[in-house]
Amino acid sequence: MKELLTWGLTLAVAVLVVLCMNYFVFSLSTVEGQSMEPTLYEKEWLFVDKISYRAGTPKIGDVIILKDPADAEPRKEYLVKRIVAGPGDRLEIRQGELYRNGELVVESYTDVLVEDPDYGPVTVQAGHYFVMGDNRHASASRDSRSFQAVPREAILGRADLILWPITKWARL
């Protein structure tokens, strides 16, 4: 009986540790849709680091998971996007190309120019980040061009790894 109690306590502590780690340190997220192609594809699993932004700040180029700003209901809808501009940056899309603070941004992670209409210029307000999907085909991504820059509080974590399928395992 004592051994069974010890095993039960060990199992309970292990479950508690895993739940706390999942809530505070990391989580797994599944990609839905094509807004991050060619970087991420539907049904890929991502390892999401939740702790790095508790001490640090998001950086331009980070692939992030965020609460959907357009989601008015208390449902939990999340988006995966890339940060293309931070607080104070001036962003503009002209003739299919992205400009940050007046300089052309070379985006090696995309496969086409931005096919949507020109945008901006806009200045990202303090505490906010301008995010876009890597898929720049016409109407392929719902991002800050439609819902504006997102507040820091909406960012849940940084996607660091593609975990599944195993043949696509890669660092982002």
C-alpha atoms as a PDB file:
ATOM      1  CA  MET A   1       0.000   0.000   0.000  1.00  0.00           C
ATOM      2  CA  LYS A   2       2.852   2.396   0.864  1.00  0.00           C
ATOM      3  CA  GLU A   3       4.529   1.716  -2.489  1.00  0.00           C
ATOM      4  CA  LEU A   4       1.257   2.442  -4.323  1.00  0.00           C
ATOM      5  CA  LEU A   5       0.912   5.725  -2.419  1.00  0.00           C
ATOM      6  CA  THR A   6       4.505   6.663  -3.314  1.00  0.00           C
ATOM      7  CA  TRP A   7       3.872   5.911  -7.003  1.00  0.00           C
ATOM      8  CA  GLY A   8       0.642   7.904  -6.927  1.00  0.00           C
ATOM      9  CA  LEU A   9       2.364  10.902  -5.304  1.00  0.00           C
ATOM     10  CA  THR A  10       5.217  10.728  -7.822  1.00  0.00           C
ATOM     11  CA  LEU A  11       2.759  10.612 -10.704  1.00  0.00           C
ATOM     12  CA  ALA A  12       0.771  13.561  -9.287  1.00  0.00           C
ATOM     13  CA  VAL A  13       3.942  15.669  -8.903  1.00  0.00           C
ATOM     14  CA  ALA A  14       5.057  14.776 -12.439  1.00  0.00           C
ATOM     15  CA  VAL A  15       1.675  15.785 -13.886  1.00  0.00           C
ATOM     16  CA  LEU A  16       1.731  19.055 -11.915  1.00  0.00           C
ATOM     17  CA  VAL A  17       5.254  19.868 -13.154  1.00  0.00           C
ATOM     18  CA  VAL A  18       4.304  19.164 -16.788  1.00  0.00           C
ATOM     19  CA  LEU A  19       1.142  21.285 -16.522  1.00  0.00           C
ATOM     20  CA  CYS A  20       3.073  24.190 -14.983  1.00  0.00           C
ATOM     21  CA  MET A  21       5.789  23.923 -17.646  1.00  0.00           C
ATOM     22  CA  ASN A  22       3.118  23.893 -20.354  1.00  0.00           C
ATOM     23  CA  TYR A  23       1.347  26.918 -18.893  1.00  0.00           C
ATOM     24  CA  PHE A  24       4.386  29.075 -18.047  1.00  0.00           C
ATOM     25  CA  VAL A  25       7.393  27.856 -20.056  1.00  0.00           C
ATOM     26  CA  PHE A  26       6.398  26.232 -23.355  1.00  0.00           C
ATOM     27  CA  SER A  27       3.512  24.862 -25.358  1.00  0.00           C
ATOM     28  CA  LEU A  28       2.862  23.122 -28.640  1.00  0.00           C
ATOM     29  CA  SER A  29       0.836  24.754 -31.375  1.00  0.00           C
ATOM     30  CA  THR A  30      -0.511  23.392 -34.642  1.00  0.00           C
ATOM     31  CA  VAL A  31      -0.391  25.505 -37.809  1.00  0.00           C
ATOM     32  CA  GLU A  32      -3.772  26.072 -39.452  1.00  0.00           C
ATOM     33  CA  GLY A  33      -4.093  27.755 -42.824  1.00  0.00           C
ATOM     34  CA  GLN A  34      -1.566  28.975 -45.363  1.00  0.00           C
ATOM     35  CA  SER A  35      -0.736  32.476 -44.096  1.00  0.00           C
ATOM     36  CA  MET A  36       2.846  31.531 -43.112  1.00  0.00           C
ATOM     37  CA  GLU A  37       3.799  29.600 -46.259  1.00  0.00           C
ATOM     38  CA  PRO A  38       6.521  28.999 -47.412  1.00  0.00           C
ATOM     39  CA  THR A  39       7.963  28.986 -43.860  1.00  0.00           C
ATOM     40  CA  LEU A  40       5.205  26.966 -42.177  1.00  0.00           C
ATOM     41  CA  TYR A  41       2.584  24.636 -43.607  1.00  0.00           C
ATOM     42  CA  GLU A  42      -0.764  23.430 -42.332  1.00  0.00           C
ATOM     43  CA  LYS A  43      -0.710  20.722 -39.636  1.00  0.00           C
ATOM     44  CA  GLU A  44       2.925  21.319 -38.664  1.00  0.00           C
ATOM     45  CA  TRP A  45       3.532  21.308 -34.904  1.00  0.00           C
ATOM     46  CA  LEU A  46       5.473  24.177 -33.385  1.00  0.00           C
ATOM     47  CA  PHE A  47       7.371  24.379 -30.117  1.00  0.00           C
ATOM     48  CA  VAL A  48       6.405  27.723 -28.561  1.00  0.00           C
ATOM     49  CA  ASP A  49       8.754  29.351 -26.043  1.00  0.00           C
ATOM     50  CA  LYS A  50       6.638  31.313 -23.559  1.00  0.00           C
ATOM     51  CA  ILE A  51       9.376  32.283 -21.114  1.00  0.00           C
ATOM     52  CA  SER A  52      11.783  34.286 -23.289  1.00  0.00           C
ATOM     53  CA  TYR A  53       9.380  37.225 -23.556  1.00  0.00           C
ATOM     54  CA  ARG A  54       8.783  37.333 -19.793  1.00  0.00           C
ATOM     55  CA  ALA A  55      12.315  38.677 -19.367  1.00  0.00           C
ATOM     56  CA  GLY A  56      13.018  40.014 -22.851  1.00  0.00           C
ATOM     57  CA  THR A  57      11.195  41.741 -25.661  1.00  0.00           C
ATOM     58  CA  PRO A  58      10.044  40.466 -29.049  1.00  0.00           C
ATOM     59  CA  LYS A  59      12.391  41.168 -31.947  1.00  0.00           C
ATOM     60  CA  ILE A  60      11.855  41.912 -35.611  1.00  0.00           C
ATOM     61  CA  GLY A  61      11.893  38.639 -37.507  1.00  0.00           C
ATOM     62  CA  ASP A  62      10.522  36.534 -34.643  1.00  0.00           C
ATOM     63  CA  VAL A  63       7.736  34.115 -35.545  1.00  0.00           C
ATOM     64  CA  ILE A  64       5.159  34.518 -32.796  1.00  0.00           C
ATOM     65  CA  ILE A  65       1.894  33.115 -31.528  1.00  0.00           C
ATOM     66  CA  LEU A  66      -0.646  35.777 -30.609  1.00  0.00           C
ATOM     67  CA  LYS A  67      -4.237  36.104 -29.534  1.00  0.00           C
ATOM     68  CA  ASP A  68      -6.427  36.955 -32.496  1.00  0.00           C
ATOM     69  CA  PRO A  69      -7.137  40.698 -32.082  1.00  0.00           C
ATOM     70  CA  ALA A  70     -10.320  40.402 -34.165  1.00  0.00           C
ATOM     71  CA  ASP A  71     -11.763  37.697 -31.913  1.00  0.00           C
ATOM     72  CA  ALA A  72     -14.461  39.544 -29.938  1.00  0.00           C
ATOM     73  CA  GLU A  73     -15.831  36.422 -28.281  1.00  0.00           C
ATOM     74  CA  PRO A  74     -14.093  34.801 -25.303  1.00  0.00           C
ATOM     75  CA  ARG A  75     -12.992  31.891 -27.544  1.00  0.00           C
ATOM     76  CA  LYS A  76      -9.300  31.160 -27.739  1.00  0.00           C
ATOM     77  CA  GLU A  77      -8.273  31.828 -31.319  1.00  0.00           C
ATOM     78  CA  TYR A  78      -4.565  32.194 -32.012  1.00  0.00           C
ATOM     79  CA  LEU A  79      -2.539  33.319 -34.995  1.00  0.00           C
ATOM     80  CA  VAL A  80       1.037  32.623 -36.032  1.00  0.00           C
ATOM     81  CA  LYS A  81       2.747  35.622 -37.661  1.00  0.00           C
ATOM     82  CA  ARG A  82       6.151  37.254 -38.106  1.00  0.00           C
ATOM     83  CA  ILE A  83       7.103  40.557 -36.485  1.00  0.00           C
ATOM     84  CA  VAL A  84       8.097  42.975 -39.261  1.00  0.00           C
ATOM     85  CA  ALA A  85       8.175  46.230 -37.269  1.00  0.00           C
ATOM     86  CA  GLY A  86       8.431  47.222 -33.619  1.00  0.00           C
ATOM     87  CA  PRO A  87       7.502  50.220 -31.480  1.00  0.00           C
ATOM     88  CA  GLY A  88       8.394  53.514 -33.164  1.00  0.00           C
ATOM     89  CA  ASP A  89       9.136  51.956 -36.556  1.00  0.00           C
ATOM     90  CA  ARG A  90       7.635  53.538 -39.652  1.00  0.00           C
ATOM     91  CA  LEU A  91       6.302  50.888 -42.022  1.00  0.00           C
ATOM     92  CA  GLU A  92       5.149  51.118 -45.613  1.00  0.00           C
ATOM     93  CA  ILE A  93       4.399  48.724 -48.468  1.00  0.00           C
ATOM     94  CA  ARG A  94       5.049  50.228 -51.913  1.00  0.00           C
ATOM     95  CA  GLN A  95       4.899  48.419 -55.232  1.00  0.00           C
ATOM     96  CA  GLY A  96       4.975  45.047 -53.478  1.00  0.00           C
ATOM     97  CA  GLU A  97       7.961  45.756 -51.264  1.00  0.00           C
ATOM     98  CA  LEU A  98       8.182  46.305 -47.524  1.00  0.00           C
ATOM     99  CA  TYR A  99       9.961  49.382 -46.174  1.00  0.00           C
ATOM    100  CA  ARG A 100      10.839  49.913 -42.520  1.00  0.00           C
ATOM    101  CA  ASN A 101      12.031  53.371 -41.510  1.00  0.00           C
ATOM    102  CA  GLY A 102      12.478  54.255 -45.180  1.00  0.00           C
ATOM    103  CA  GLU A 103      14.753  51.280 -45.945  1.00  0.00           C
ATOM    104  CA  LEU A 104      13.833  48.317 -48.131  1.00  0.00           C
ATOM    105  CA  VAL A 105      13.463  45.127 -46.064  1.00  0.00           C
ATOM    106  CA  VAL A 106      14.937  42.049 -47.745  1.00  0.00           C
ATOM    107  CA  GLU A 107      12.639  39.162 -46.809  1.00  0.00           C
ATOM    108  CA  SER A 108      14.363  35.859 -47.545  1.00  0.00           C
ATOM    109  CA  TYR A 109      11.497  33.924 -45.938  1.00  0.00           C
ATOM    110  CA  THR A 110       8.919  34.919 -48.589  1.00  0.00           C
ATOM    111  CA  ASP A 111       8.614  33.673 -52.138  1.00  0.00           C
ATOM    112  CA  VAL A 112       6.843  36.631 -53.793  1.00  0.00           C
ATOM    113  CA  LEU A 113       6.452  40.366 -53.489  1.00  0.00           C
ATOM    114  CA  VAL A 114       3.436  41.621 -51.535  1.00  0.00           C
ATOM    115  CA  GLU A 115       0.555  41.203 -53.996  1.00  0.00           C
ATOM    116  CA  ASP A 116      -1.941  43.216 -51.931  1.00  0.00           C
ATOM    117  CA  PRO A 117      -2.380  46.997 -52.428  1.00  0.00           C
ATOM    118  CA  ASP A 118       0.147  49.510 -51.137  1.00  0.00           C
ATOM    119  CA  TYR A 119      -0.109  50.191 -47.412  1.00  0.00           C
ATOM    120  CA  GLY A 120       0.903  53.051 -45.138  1.00  0.00           C
ATOM    121  CA  PRO A 121       3.034  54.682 -44.172  1.00  0.00           C
ATOM    122  CA  VAL A 122       2.173  53.991 -40.534  1.00  0.00           C
ATOM    123  CA  THR A 123       4.188  54.427 -37.366  1.00  0.00           C
ATOM    124  CA  VAL A 124       3.932  51.585 -34.854  1.00  0.00           C
ATOM    125  CA  GLN A 125       2.875  52.971 -31.494  1.00  0.00           C
ATOM    126  CA  ALA A 126       4.721  52.262 -28.239  1.00  0.00           C
ATOM    127  CA  GLY A 127       4.171  48.787 -26.836  1.00  0.00           C
ATOM    128  CA  HIS A 128       2.877  47.427 -30.169  1.00  0.00           C
ATOM    129  CA  TYR A 129       4.242  45.248 -32.970  1.00  0.00           C
ATOM    130  CA  PHE A 130       3.335  45.077 -36.654  1.00  0.00           C
ATOM    131  CA  VAL A 131       2.933  41.457 -37.742  1.00  0.00           C
ATOM    132  CA  MET A 132       2.477  39.829 -41.137  1.00  0.00           C
ATOM    133  CA  GLY A 133       2.196  36.330 -42.521  1.00  0.00           C
ATOM    134  CA  ASP A 134       5.059  35.128 -44.724  1.00  0.00           C
ATOM    135  CA  ASN A 135       2.594  34.297 -47.515  1.00  0.00           C
ATOM    136  CA  ARG A 136       2.485  37.546 -49.464  1.00  0.00           C
ATOM    137  CA  HIS A 137       0.121  36.351 -52.201  1.00  0.00           C
ATOM    138  CA  ALA A 138      -3.056  38.444 -52.556  1.00  0.00           C
ATOM    139  CA  SER A 139      -5.378  38.100 -49.540  1.00  0.00           C
ATOM    140  CA  ALA A 140      -3.413  35.104 -48.189  1.00  0.00           C
ATOM    141  CA  SER A 141      -2.808  36.489 -44.709  1.00  0.00           C
ATOM    142  CA  ARG A 142      -4.968  38.337 -42.219  1.00  0.00           C
ATOM    143  CA  ASP A 143      -2.464  40.411 -40.279  1.00  0.00           C
ATOM    144  CA  SER A 144      -1.681  43.912 -38.981  1.00  0.00           C
ATOM    145  CA  ARG A 145      -2.678  45.383 -42.325  1.00  0.00           C
ATOM    146  CA  SER A 146      -6.269  44.480 -41.419  1.00  0.00           C
ATOM    147  CA  PHE A 147      -6.271  44.640 -37.602  1.00  0.00           C
ATOM    148  CA  GLN A 148      -3.434  47.137 -36.971  1.00  0.00           C
ATOM    149  CA  ALA A 149      -0.330  46.624 -34.827  1.00  0.00           C
ATOM    150  CA  VAL A 150      -0.849  44.262 -31.900  1.00  0.00           C
ATOM    151  CA  PRO A 151      -0.177  45.139 -28.261  1.00  0.00           C
ATOM    152  CA  ARG A 152       2.682  43.349 -26.509  1.00  0.00           C
ATOM    153  CA  GLU A 153       0.153  41.666 -24.185  1.00  0.00           C
ATOM    154  CA  ALA A 154      -1.412  39.823 -27.141  1.00  0.00           C
ATOM    155  CA  ILE A 155       1.859  37.993 -27.883  1.00  0.00           C
ATOM    156  CA  LEU A 156       1.847  34.601 -26.143  1.00  0.00           C
ATOM    157  CA  GLY A 157       5.247  33.303 -27.181  1.00  0.00           C
ATOM    158  CA  ARG A 158       7.892  32.778 -29.825  1.00  0.00           C
ATOM    159  CA  ALA A 159       7.707  29.767 -32.152  1.00  0.00           C
ATOM    160  CA  ASP A 160      11.208  28.299 -32.073  1.00  0.00           C
ATOM    161  CA  LEU A 161      10.995  24.869 -33.718  1.00  0.00           C
ATOM    162  CA  ILE A 162       8.972  22.848 -36.173  1.00  0.00           C
ATOM    163  CA  LEU A 163       8.561  19.536 -34.333  1.00  0.00           C
ATOM    164  CA  TRP A 164       6.259  17.620 -36.650  1.00  0.00           C
ATOM    165  CA  PRO A 165       6.379  16.082 -39.129  1.00  0.00           C
ATOM    166  CA  ILE A 166       9.799  14.827 -38.125  1.00  0.00           C
ATOM    167  CA  THR A 167      11.046  15.173 -41.719  1.00  0.00           C
ATOM    168  CA  LYS A 168      10.478  18.943 -41.480  1.00  0.00           C
ATOM    169  CA  TRP A 169      12.134  19.390 -38.076  1.00  0.00           C
ATOM    170  CA  ALA A 170      13.780  22.812 -38.186  1.00  0.00           C
ATOM    171  CA  ARG A 171      14.671  25.824 -36.109  1.00  0.00           C
ATOM    172  CA  LEU A 172      12.766  29.002 -36.981  1.00  0.00           C
END
